[in-house]
Amino acid sequence: MTELQGAGATSLSPEQLAEMMRLLKGADTAELKLTIPPTAQRATIAGLGLDPVEAQPRQVFFFDTPDLTLNAAGVVVRARRIQGGRADTVVKLRPVVPNDLDAEMRKSGALTVEVDAVPGGFVCSASFKGRSTGDDVRAAVAGEIPFRKVFSKEQRAFYALHAPAGLDIDSLVPLGPTFILKAAFMPADIDRRVVAEMWLYPDGSRLLELSTKCLPDEAFQVAAEFRAYLHDRGIEIGGLQQTKTRAALEFFAAEAKAAANGRSTRSGRSSA
């Protein structure tokens, strides 16, 4: 299951709360997230005093099949180009139980186990992170170099361990790009770094997410402070919560399918 457990509910059940606490004990970090409804995005940006001109542009590509076979198996492969020529990559598995992960891989400093929590939901993930360059990611997406070239040896091993059998990383297709504006700030009220990300899709739709990270044992205290901070600024809390990853995958997978169907139709006509 790749969905946030309990997402859409107003609060966690006692069973879900117990499960979340168990996962936090084995995690390295916790990230508290909130998706802002489209109708409230403009007011939220104003309420937080964000300056869009200071936001950092990013470009994200996911790698999967047009049918999202990887996503269905709980695996996410992503490359992100960052202003200035940098890029980072990740191979992510979710949901996970921290104690069930490979013991040797768990020792790697590049592997992070995190519990993501939204109003009424949560999921635990394991992310193998890496670095690349913007040029290499661009070349891989253009088909000039194999996808594996932008991922580390450890990431490829992690992928091979969890991806569906027979689905080689080089056989995936790029889904994207999604253009992102990222702004980070330190509100005096909570003295903690808060990140705002606006994901912009080709059809004009937008997804705004607010988030903050903390240590697992701080999660509930920080969640209360974060909620109070947002409430004081009139920011709507609750409603349908959707991860950025799922929204992007669904959008570009539909686009890839439409393109494939178009090629098939043209091929059929030319052979008739």
C-alpha atoms as a PDB file:
ATOM      1  CA  MET A   1       0.000   0.000   0.000  1.00  0.00           C
ATOM      2  CA  THR A   2       1.487   3.378  -1.001  1.00  0.00           C
ATOM      3  CA  GLU A   3      -1.302   5.618   0.277  1.00  0.00           C
ATOM      4  CA  LEU A   4      -1.052   7.541   3.503  1.00  0.00           C
ATOM      5  CA  GLN A   5      -2.707   5.443   6.193  1.00  0.00           C
ATOM      6  CA  GLY A   6      -5.891   7.145   7.345  1.00  0.00           C
ATOM      7  CA  ALA A   7      -5.537  10.086   4.960  1.00  0.00           C
ATOM      8  CA  GLY A   8      -8.766  12.038   4.668  1.00  0.00           C
ATOM      9  CA  ALA A   9      -9.909  11.332   8.212  1.00  0.00           C
ATOM     10  CA  THR A  10     -10.046  14.108  10.775  1.00  0.00           C
ATOM     11  CA  SER A  11      -7.926  12.199  13.291  1.00  0.00           C
ATOM     12  CA  LEU A  12      -6.141   8.909  13.808  1.00  0.00           C
ATOM     13  CA  SER A  13      -7.858   5.964  15.436  1.00  0.00           C
ATOM     14  CA  PRO A  14      -6.247   4.502  18.589  1.00  0.00           C
ATOM     15  CA  GLU A  15      -4.914   1.617  16.478  1.00  0.00           C
ATOM     16  CA  GLN A  16      -3.420   3.965  13.895  1.00  0.00           C
ATOM     17  CA  LEU A  17      -1.883   6.118  16.613  1.00  0.00           C
ATOM     18  CA  ALA A  18      -0.232   3.063  18.165  1.00  0.00           C
ATOM     19  CA  GLU A  19       1.106   2.018  14.750  1.00  0.00           C
ATOM     20  CA  MET A  20       2.491   5.483  14.062  1.00  0.00           C
ATOM     21  CA  MET A  21       4.271   5.543  17.424  1.00  0.00           C
ATOM     22  CA  ARG A  22       5.801   2.129  16.696  1.00  0.00           C
ATOM     23  CA  LEU A  23       7.098   3.325  13.331  1.00  0.00           C
ATOM     24  CA  LEU A  24       8.508   6.528  14.815  1.00  0.00           C
ATOM     25  CA  LYS A  25      10.637   4.504  17.217  1.00  0.00           C
ATOM     26  CA  GLY A  26      12.492   2.932  14.303  1.00  0.00           C
ATOM     27  CA  ALA A  27      12.666   6.045  12.093  1.00  0.00           C
ATOM     28  CA  ASP A  28      15.467   8.561  11.656  1.00  0.00           C
ATOM     29  CA  THR A  29      13.249  11.600  11.082  1.00  0.00           C
ATOM     30  CA  ALA A  30       9.629  12.706  10.929  1.00  0.00           C
ATOM     31  CA  GLU A  31       8.167  15.143   8.422  1.00  0.00           C
ATOM     32  CA  LEU A  32       4.876  16.917   9.068  1.00  0.00           C
ATOM     33  CA  LYS A  33       3.053  17.937   5.906  1.00  0.00           C
ATOM     34  CA  LEU A  34      -0.073  19.810   4.897  1.00  0.00           C
ATOM     35  CA  THR A  35      -1.582  20.123   1.426  1.00  0.00           C
ATOM     36  CA  ILE A  36      -3.371  23.436   0.868  1.00  0.00           C
ATOM     37  CA  PRO A  37      -6.616  23.389  -1.177  1.00  0.00           C
ATOM     38  CA  PRO A  38      -6.373  25.345  -4.471  1.00  0.00           C
ATOM     39  CA  THR A  39      -8.937  27.867  -3.270  1.00  0.00           C
ATOM     40  CA  ALA A  40      -6.790  28.726  -0.237  1.00  0.00           C
ATOM     41  CA  GLN A  41      -3.341  28.786  -1.822  1.00  0.00           C
ATOM     42  CA  ARG A  42      -3.199  32.497  -2.561  1.00  0.00           C
ATOM     43  CA  ALA A  43      -4.354  33.428   0.938  1.00  0.00           C
ATOM     44  CA  THR A  44      -1.860  30.975   2.448  1.00  0.00           C
ATOM     45  CA  ILE A  45       1.071  32.525   0.580  1.00  0.00           C
ATOM     46  CA  ALA A  46      -0.020  35.965   1.746  1.00  0.00           C
ATOM     47  CA  GLY A  47      -0.639  34.773   5.315  1.00  0.00           C
ATOM     48  CA  LEU A  48       2.856  33.330   5.584  1.00  0.00           C
ATOM     49  CA  GLY A  49       4.431  36.406   4.054  1.00  0.00           C
ATOM     50  CA  LEU A  50       6.208  34.380   1.369  1.00  0.00           C
ATOM     51  CA  ASP A  51       8.000  36.203  -1.435  1.00  0.00           C
ATOM     52  CA  PRO A  52       7.624  34.148  -4.644  1.00  0.00           C
ATOM     53  CA  VAL A  53      10.571  35.979  -6.206  1.00  0.00           C
ATOM     54  CA  GLU A  54      12.876  34.436  -3.587  1.00  0.00           C
ATOM     55  CA  ALA A  55      11.669  30.872  -4.264  1.00  0.00           C
ATOM     56  CA  GLN A  56      14.171  28.374  -5.690  1.00  0.00           C
ATOM     57  CA  PRO A  57      13.152  26.752  -9.008  1.00  0.00           C
ATOM     58  CA  ARG A  58      13.477  22.985  -9.365  1.00  0.00           C
ATOM     59  CA  GLN A  59      12.603  20.426 -12.013  1.00  0.00           C
ATOM     60  CA  VAL A  60      11.530  16.916 -11.016  1.00  0.00           C
ATOM     61  CA  PHE A  61      11.398  13.736 -13.083  1.00  0.00           C
ATOM     62  CA  PHE A  62       9.959  10.430 -11.902  1.00  0.00           C
ATOM     63  CA  PHE A  63      10.840   7.123 -13.547  1.00  0.00           C
ATOM     64  CA  ASP A  64       8.224   4.380 -13.820  1.00  0.00           C
ATOM     65  CA  THR A  65       6.138   2.571 -16.422  1.00  0.00           C
ATOM     66  CA  PRO A  66       3.072   4.183 -18.054  1.00  0.00           C
ATOM     67  CA  ASP A  67       0.979   1.829 -15.888  1.00  0.00           C
ATOM     68  CA  LEU A  68       2.864   2.909 -12.737  1.00  0.00           C
ATOM     69  CA  THR A  69       4.063  -0.621 -12.031  1.00  0.00           C
ATOM     70  CA  LEU A  70       6.766   0.642  -9.679  1.00  0.00           C
ATOM     71  CA  ASN A  71       4.379   2.834  -7.728  1.00  0.00           C
ATOM     72  CA  ALA A  72       1.994  -0.107  -7.296  1.00  0.00           C
ATOM     73  CA  ALA A  73       4.908  -2.055  -5.782  1.00  0.00           C
ATOM     74  CA  GLY A  74       5.684   0.796  -3.388  1.00  0.00           C
ATOM     75  CA  VAL A  75       8.838   1.953  -5.186  1.00  0.00           C
ATOM     76  CA  VAL A  76       9.494   5.545  -6.267  1.00  0.00           C
ATOM     77  CA  VAL A  77      12.451   6.574  -8.449  1.00  0.00           C
ATOM     78  CA  ARG A  78      13.089  10.307  -8.807  1.00  0.00           C
ATOM     79  CA  ALA A  79      15.690  12.769 -10.089  1.00  0.00           C
ATOM     80  CA  ARG A  80      15.562  16.463  -9.266  1.00  0.00           C
ATOM     81  CA  ARG A  81      17.429  19.222 -11.108  1.00  0.00           C
ATOM     82  CA  ILE A  82      18.294  22.214  -8.918  1.00  0.00           C
ATOM     83  CA  GLN A  83      19.249  25.728  -9.887  1.00  0.00           C
ATOM     84  CA  GLY A  84      23.022  26.096 -10.231  1.00  0.00           C
ATOM     85  CA  GLY A  85      23.734  22.825 -12.028  1.00  0.00           C
ATOM     86  CA  ARG A  86      23.167  20.483  -9.098  1.00  0.00           C
ATOM     87  CA  ALA A  87      20.840  17.508  -8.974  1.00  0.00           C
ATOM     88  CA  ASP A  88      19.817  14.895  -6.438  1.00  0.00           C
ATOM     89  CA  THR A  89      18.254  11.474  -6.811  1.00  0.00           C
ATOM     90  CA  VAL A  90      16.307   9.051  -4.658  1.00  0.00           C
ATOM     91  CA  VAL A  91      15.049   5.496  -4.751  1.00  0.00           C
ATOM     92  CA  LYS A  92      12.259   5.267  -2.201  1.00  0.00           C
ATOM     93  CA  LEU A  93      10.309   2.342  -0.744  1.00  0.00           C
ATOM     94  CA  ARG A  94       6.992   2.802   1.045  1.00  0.00           C
ATOM     95  CA  PRO A  95       5.380   1.764   3.202  1.00  0.00           C
ATOM     96  CA  VAL A  96       8.097   0.099   5.262  1.00  0.00           C
ATOM     97  CA  VAL A  97       8.573  -1.227   8.755  1.00  0.00           C
ATOM     98  CA  PRO A  98      12.029   0.006   9.836  1.00  0.00           C
ATOM     99  CA  ASN A  99      13.037  -3.247  11.519  1.00  0.00           C
ATOM    100  CA  ASP A 100      12.246  -5.236   8.363  1.00  0.00           C
ATOM    101  CA  LEU A 101      14.831  -3.412   6.234  1.00  0.00           C
ATOM    102  CA  ASP A 102      18.070  -5.103   5.159  1.00  0.00           C
ATOM    103  CA  ALA A 103      20.489  -4.745   8.090  1.00  0.00           C
ATOM    104  CA  GLU A 104      23.535  -3.962   5.940  1.00  0.00           C
ATOM    105  CA  MET A 105      21.734  -1.360   3.830  1.00  0.00           C
ATOM    106  CA  ARG A 106      20.349   0.212   7.003  1.00  0.00           C
ATOM    107  CA  LYS A 107      23.929   1.081   8.016  1.00  0.00           C
ATOM    108  CA  SER A 108      24.422   3.301   4.961  1.00  0.00           C
ATOM    109  CA  GLY A 109      24.516   7.015   5.615  1.00  0.00           C
ATOM    110  CA  ALA A 110      22.623   7.502   2.340  1.00  0.00           C
ATOM    111  CA  LEU A 111      19.559   5.593   3.599  1.00  0.00           C
ATOM    112  CA  THR A 112      17.003   7.556   5.604  1.00  0.00           C
ATOM    113  CA  VAL A 113      13.866   6.142   7.228  1.00  0.00           C
ATOM    114  CA  GLU A 114      11.177   8.758   7.700  1.00  0.00           C
ATOM    115  CA  VAL A 115       7.592   8.916   8.890  1.00  0.00           C
ATOM    116  CA  ASP A 116       5.546  11.403   6.858  1.00  0.00           C
ATOM    117  CA  ALA A 117       2.448  12.639   8.663  1.00  0.00           C
ATOM    118  CA  VAL A 118      -0.482  14.694   7.374  1.00  0.00           C
ATOM    119  CA  PRO A 119      -3.745  15.597   9.121  1.00  0.00           C
ATOM    120  CA  GLY A 120      -5.359  12.217   9.732  1.00  0.00           C
ATOM    121  CA  GLY A 121      -2.730  10.070   7.978  1.00  0.00           C
ATOM    122  CA  PHE A 122       0.858   8.831   7.903  1.00  0.00           C
ATOM    123  CA  VAL A 123       3.279   6.582   6.026  1.00  0.00           C
ATOM    124  CA  CYS A 124       6.803   5.337   6.755  1.00  0.00           C
ATOM    125  CA  SER A 125       9.315   5.296   3.909  1.00  0.00           C
ATOM    126  CA  ALA A 126      12.949   4.343   3.307  1.00  0.00           C
ATOM    127  CA  SER A 127      14.846   6.619   0.923  1.00  0.00           C
ATOM    128  CA  PHE A 128      18.232   5.883  -0.630  1.00  0.00           C
ATOM    129  CA  LYS A 129      19.573   9.296  -1.628  1.00  0.00           C
ATOM    130  CA  GLY A 130      22.260  10.258  -4.112  1.00  0.00           C
ATOM    131  CA  ARG A 131      23.780  13.175  -5.984  1.00  0.00           C
ATOM    132  CA  SER A 132      24.096  13.862  -9.675  1.00  0.00           C
ATOM    133  CA  THR A 133      24.358  16.868 -11.963  1.00  0.00           C
ATOM    134  CA  GLY A 134      21.638  18.734 -13.775  1.00  0.00           C
ATOM    135  CA  ASP A 135      23.328  17.978 -17.093  1.00  0.00           C
ATOM    136  CA  ASP A 136      23.436  14.226 -16.445  1.00  0.00           C
ATOM    137  CA  VAL A 137      19.765  14.105 -15.471  1.00  0.00           C
ATOM    138  CA  ARG A 138      18.880  16.080 -18.564  1.00  0.00           C
ATOM    139  CA  ALA A 139      20.959  13.719 -20.732  1.00  0.00           C
ATOM    140  CA  ALA A 140      19.324  10.640 -19.197  1.00  0.00           C
ATOM    141  CA  VAL A 141      15.824  11.980 -19.812  1.00  0.00           C
ATOM    142  CA  ALA A 142      16.793  12.806 -23.401  1.00  0.00           C
ATOM    143  CA  GLY A 143      17.977   9.223 -23.933  1.00  0.00           C
ATOM    144  CA  GLU A 144      21.636  10.187 -24.338  1.00  0.00           C
ATOM    145  CA  ILE A 145      22.838   8.117 -21.354  1.00  0.00           C
ATOM    146  CA  PRO A 146      21.223   5.178 -19.483  1.00  0.00           C
ATOM    147  CA  PHE A 147      19.112   6.054 -16.450  1.00  0.00           C
ATOM    148  CA  ARG A 148      21.388   3.965 -14.221  1.00  0.00           C
ATOM    149  CA  LYS A 149      24.185   6.484 -14.787  1.00  0.00           C
ATOM    150  CA  VAL A 150      22.506   9.078 -12.577  1.00  0.00           C
ATOM    151  CA  PHE A 151      21.987   6.669  -9.658  1.00  0.00           C
ATOM    152  CA  SER A 152      24.648   5.346  -7.285  1.00  0.00           C
ATOM    153  CA  LYS A 153      25.651   1.713  -6.947  1.00  0.00           C
ATOM    154  CA  GLU A 154      23.871   1.563  -3.575  1.00  0.00           C
ATOM    155  CA  GLN A 155      20.696   3.037  -5.054  1.00  0.00           C
ATOM    156  CA  ARG A 156      20.726   0.524  -7.900  1.00  0.00           C
ATOM    157  CA  ALA A 157      21.167  -2.340  -5.426  1.00  0.00           C
ATOM    158  CA  PHE A 158      18.263  -1.046  -3.333  1.00  0.00           C
ATOM    159  CA  TYR A 159      16.151  -0.760  -6.484  1.00  0.00           C
ATOM    160  CA  ALA A 160      17.000  -4.313  -7.590  1.00  0.00           C
ATOM    161  CA  LEU A 161      16.046  -5.632  -4.152  1.00  0.00           C
ATOM    162  CA  HIS A 162      12.568  -4.085  -4.136  1.00  0.00           C
ATOM    163  CA  ALA A 163      11.475  -3.477  -7.750  1.00  0.00           C
ATOM    164  CA  PRO A 164       9.209  -6.043  -9.500  1.00  0.00           C
ATOM    165  CA  ALA A 165      11.173  -8.891 -11.080  1.00  0.00           C
ATOM    166  CA  GLY A 166      12.287  -8.195 -14.626  1.00  0.00           C
ATOM    167  CA  LEU A 167      11.795  -4.435 -14.431  1.00  0.00           C
ATOM    168  CA  ASP A 168      15.287  -3.078 -15.056  1.00  0.00           C
ATOM    169  CA  ILE A 169      15.914   0.551 -14.110  1.00  0.00           C
ATOM    170  CA  ASP A 170      16.965   1.363 -17.687  1.00  0.00           C
ATOM    171  CA  SER A 171      13.614   0.095 -19.009  1.00  0.00           C
ATOM    172  CA  LEU A 172      11.650   2.770 -17.149  1.00  0.00           C
ATOM    173  CA  VAL A 173      10.261   5.891 -18.823  1.00  0.00           C
ATOM    174  CA  PRO A 174      10.674   9.473 -17.570  1.00  0.00           C
ATOM    175  CA  LEU A 175       7.479  11.031 -16.227  1.00  0.00           C
ATOM    176  CA  GLY A 176       7.629  14.805 -16.172  1.00  0.00           C
ATOM    177  CA  PRO A 177       9.042  17.244 -15.722  1.00  0.00           C
ATOM    178  CA  THR A 178       7.178  18.925 -12.921  1.00  0.00           C
ATOM    179  CA  PHE A 179       8.291  22.503 -12.264  1.00  0.00           C
ATOM    180  CA  ILE A 180       8.574  23.433  -8.588  1.00  0.00           C
ATOM    181  CA  LEU A 181       9.096  26.619  -6.617  1.00  0.00           C
ATOM    182  CA  LYS A 182      10.557  25.991  -3.160  1.00  0.00           C
ATOM    183  CA  ALA A 183      10.789  28.507  -0.338  1.00  0.00           C
ATOM    184  CA  ALA A 184      12.209  27.829   3.128  1.00  0.00           C
ATOM    185  CA  PHE A 185      11.829  30.159   6.100  1.00  0.00           C
ATOM    186  CA  MET A 186      12.224  30.243   9.895  1.00  0.00           C
ATOM    187  CA  PRO A 187       9.090  31.552  11.653  1.00  0.00           C
ATOM    188  CA  ALA A 188       9.961  33.186  14.965  1.00  0.00           C
ATOM    189  CA  ASP A 189       6.807  31.713  16.530  1.00  0.00           C
ATOM    190  CA  ILE A 190       8.022  28.114  16.322  1.00  0.00           C
ATOM    191  CA  ASP A 191      11.767  28.608  15.672  1.00  0.00           C
ATOM    192  CA  ARG A 192      11.794  25.770  13.158  1.00  0.00           C
ATOM    193  CA  ARG A 193      12.486  25.598   9.423  1.00  0.00           C
ATOM    194  CA  VAL A 194       9.315  25.453   7.365  1.00  0.00           C
ATOM    195  CA  VAL A 195       9.290  24.613   3.657  1.00  0.00           C
ATOM    196  CA  ALA A 196       6.659  25.679   1.137  1.00  0.00           C
ATOM    197  CA  GLU A 197       6.622  23.923  -2.239  1.00  0.00           C
ATOM    198  CA  MET A 198       4.411  24.882  -5.152  1.00  0.00           C
ATOM    199  CA  TRP A 199       4.197  22.127  -7.775  1.00  0.00           C
ATOM    200  CA  LEU A 200       3.101  23.447 -11.167  1.00  0.00           C
ATOM    201  CA  TYR A 201       1.646  21.091 -13.782  1.00  0.00           C
ATOM    202  CA  PRO A 202       1.386  21.640 -17.545  1.00  0.00           C
ATOM    203  CA  ASP A 203      -2.412  21.770 -17.425  1.00  0.00           C
ATOM    204  CA  GLY A 204      -2.276  24.796 -15.104  1.00  0.00           C
ATOM    205  CA  SER A 205      -3.145  22.914 -11.906  1.00  0.00           C
ATOM    206  CA  ARG A 206      -1.092  23.536  -8.775  1.00  0.00           C
ATOM    207  CA  LEU A 207      -0.311  21.737  -5.537  1.00  0.00           C
ATOM    208  CA  LEU A 208       0.942  23.691  -2.529  1.00  0.00           C
ATOM    209  CA  GLU A 209       2.477  21.811   0.377  1.00  0.00           C
ATOM    210  CA  LEU A 210       3.804  23.107   3.694  1.00  0.00           C
ATOM    211  CA  SER A 211       6.150  20.932   5.729  1.00  0.00           C
ATOM    212  CA  THR A 212       8.605  20.845   8.597  1.00  0.00           C
ATOM    213  CA  LYS A 213      10.985  18.129   9.802  1.00  0.00           C
ATOM    214  CA  CYS A 214      11.894  17.011  13.298  1.00  0.00           C
ATOM    215  CA  LEU A 215      13.299  14.114  15.294  1.00  0.00           C
ATOM    216  CA  PRO A 216      10.876  11.212  15.790  1.00  0.00           C
ATOM    217  CA  ASP A 217      10.506  11.792  19.536  1.00  0.00           C
ATOM    218  CA  GLU A 218       9.554  15.431  18.878  1.00  0.00           C
ATOM    219  CA  ALA A 219       6.827  14.647  16.335  1.00  0.00           C
ATOM    220  CA  PHE A 220       3.738  15.152  18.470  1.00  0.00           C
ATOM    221  CA  GLN A 221       4.987  18.335  20.164  1.00  0.00           C
ATOM    222  CA  VAL A 222       6.133  19.845  16.871  1.00  0.00           C
ATOM    223  CA  ALA A 223       2.849  18.865  15.220  1.00  0.00           C
ATOM    224  CA  ALA A 224       0.914  20.785  17.871  1.00  0.00           C
ATOM    225  CA  GLU A 225       3.149  23.848  17.482  1.00  0.00           C
ATOM    226  CA  PHE A 226       2.986  23.710  13.691  1.00  0.00           C
ATOM    227  CA  ARG A 227      -0.794  23.394  13.737  1.00  0.00           C
ATOM    228  CA  ALA A 228      -1.149  26.352  16.121  1.00  0.00           C
ATOM    229  CA  TYR A 229       1.192  28.451  13.978  1.00  0.00           C
ATOM    230  CA  LEU A 230      -0.841  27.797  10.828  1.00  0.00           C
ATOM    231  CA  HIS A 231      -4.172  28.301  12.602  1.00  0.00           C
ATOM    232  CA  ASP A 232      -3.048  31.690  13.911  1.00  0.00           C
ATOM    233  CA  ARG A 233      -2.460  32.774  10.319  1.00  0.00           C
ATOM    234  CA  GLY A 234      -5.865  31.642   9.157  1.00  0.00           C
ATOM    235  CA  ILE A 235      -4.510  28.714   7.160  1.00  0.00           C
ATOM    236  CA  GLU A 236      -6.996  25.908   6.564  1.00  0.00           C
ATOM    237  CA  ILE A 237      -6.010  22.606   8.145  1.00  0.00           C
ATOM    238  CA  GLY A 238      -7.641  19.357   7.088  1.00  0.00           C
ATOM    239  CA  GLY A 239      -9.458  18.284   3.963  1.00  0.00           C
ATOM    240  CA  LEU A 240      -8.254  15.814   1.354  1.00  0.00           C
ATOM    241  CA  GLN A 241      -4.502  15.294   1.591  1.00  0.00           C
ATOM    242  CA  GLN A 242      -2.595  14.059  -1.465  1.00  0.00           C
ATOM    243  CA  THR A 243       1.135  13.513  -1.750  1.00  0.00           C
ATOM    244  CA  LYS A 244       3.084  15.472  -4.341  1.00  0.00           C
ATOM    245  CA  THR A 245       4.515  12.252  -5.722  1.00  0.00           C
ATOM    246  CA  ARG A 246       1.167  10.610  -6.345  1.00  0.00           C
ATOM    247  CA  ALA A 247      -0.277  13.715  -7.996  1.00  0.00           C
ATOM    248  CA  ALA A 248       2.705  13.998 -10.353  1.00  0.00           C
ATOM    249  CA  LEU A 249       2.787  10.289 -11.191  1.00  0.00           C
ATOM    250  CA  GLU A 250      -0.902  10.144 -12.015  1.00  0.00           C
ATOM    251  CA  PHE A 251      -0.738  13.254 -14.189  1.00  0.00           C
ATOM    252  CA  PHE A 252       2.262  12.227 -16.265  1.00  0.00           C
ATOM    253  CA  ALA A 253       1.315   8.549 -16.448  1.00  0.00           C
ATOM    254  CA  ALA A 254      -1.979   9.577 -18.073  1.00  0.00           C
ATOM    255  CA  GLU A 255      -0.013  11.790 -20.452  1.00  0.00           C
ATOM    256  CA  ALA A 256       2.388   8.924 -21.323  1.00  0.00           C
ATOM    257  CA  LYS A 257      -0.525   6.546 -21.966  1.00  0.00           C
ATOM    258  CA  ALA A 258      -2.216   9.078 -24.240  1.00  0.00           C
ATOM    259  CA  ALA A 259       1.013   9.539 -26.194  1.00  0.00           C
ATOM    260  CA  ALA A 260       1.492   5.771 -26.515  1.00  0.00           C
ATOM    261  CA  ASN A 261      -2.094   5.314 -27.710  1.00  0.00           C
ATOM    262  CA  GLY A 262      -1.579   8.076 -30.263  1.00  0.00           C
ATOM    263  CA  ARG A 263       1.527   6.384 -31.637  1.00  0.00           C
ATOM    264  CA  SER A 264      -0.314   3.055 -31.819  1.00  0.00           C
ATOM    265  CA  THR A 265      -3.227   4.629 -33.702  1.00  0.00           C
ATOM    266  CA  ARG A 266      -0.912   6.337 -36.208  1.00  0.00           C
ATOM    267  CA  SER A 267       1.029   3.117 -36.717  1.00  0.00           C
ATOM    268  CA  GLY A 268      -2.185   1.199 -37.366  1.00  0.00           C
ATOM    269  CA  ARG A 269      -3.325   3.741 -39.957  1.00  0.00           C
ATOM    270  CA  SER A 270       0.006   3.719 -41.778  1.00  0.00           C
ATOM    271  CA  SER A 271      -0.006  -0.061 -42.060  1.00  0.00           C
ATOM    272  CA  ALA A 272      -3.592  -0.256 -43.267  1.00  0.00           C
END
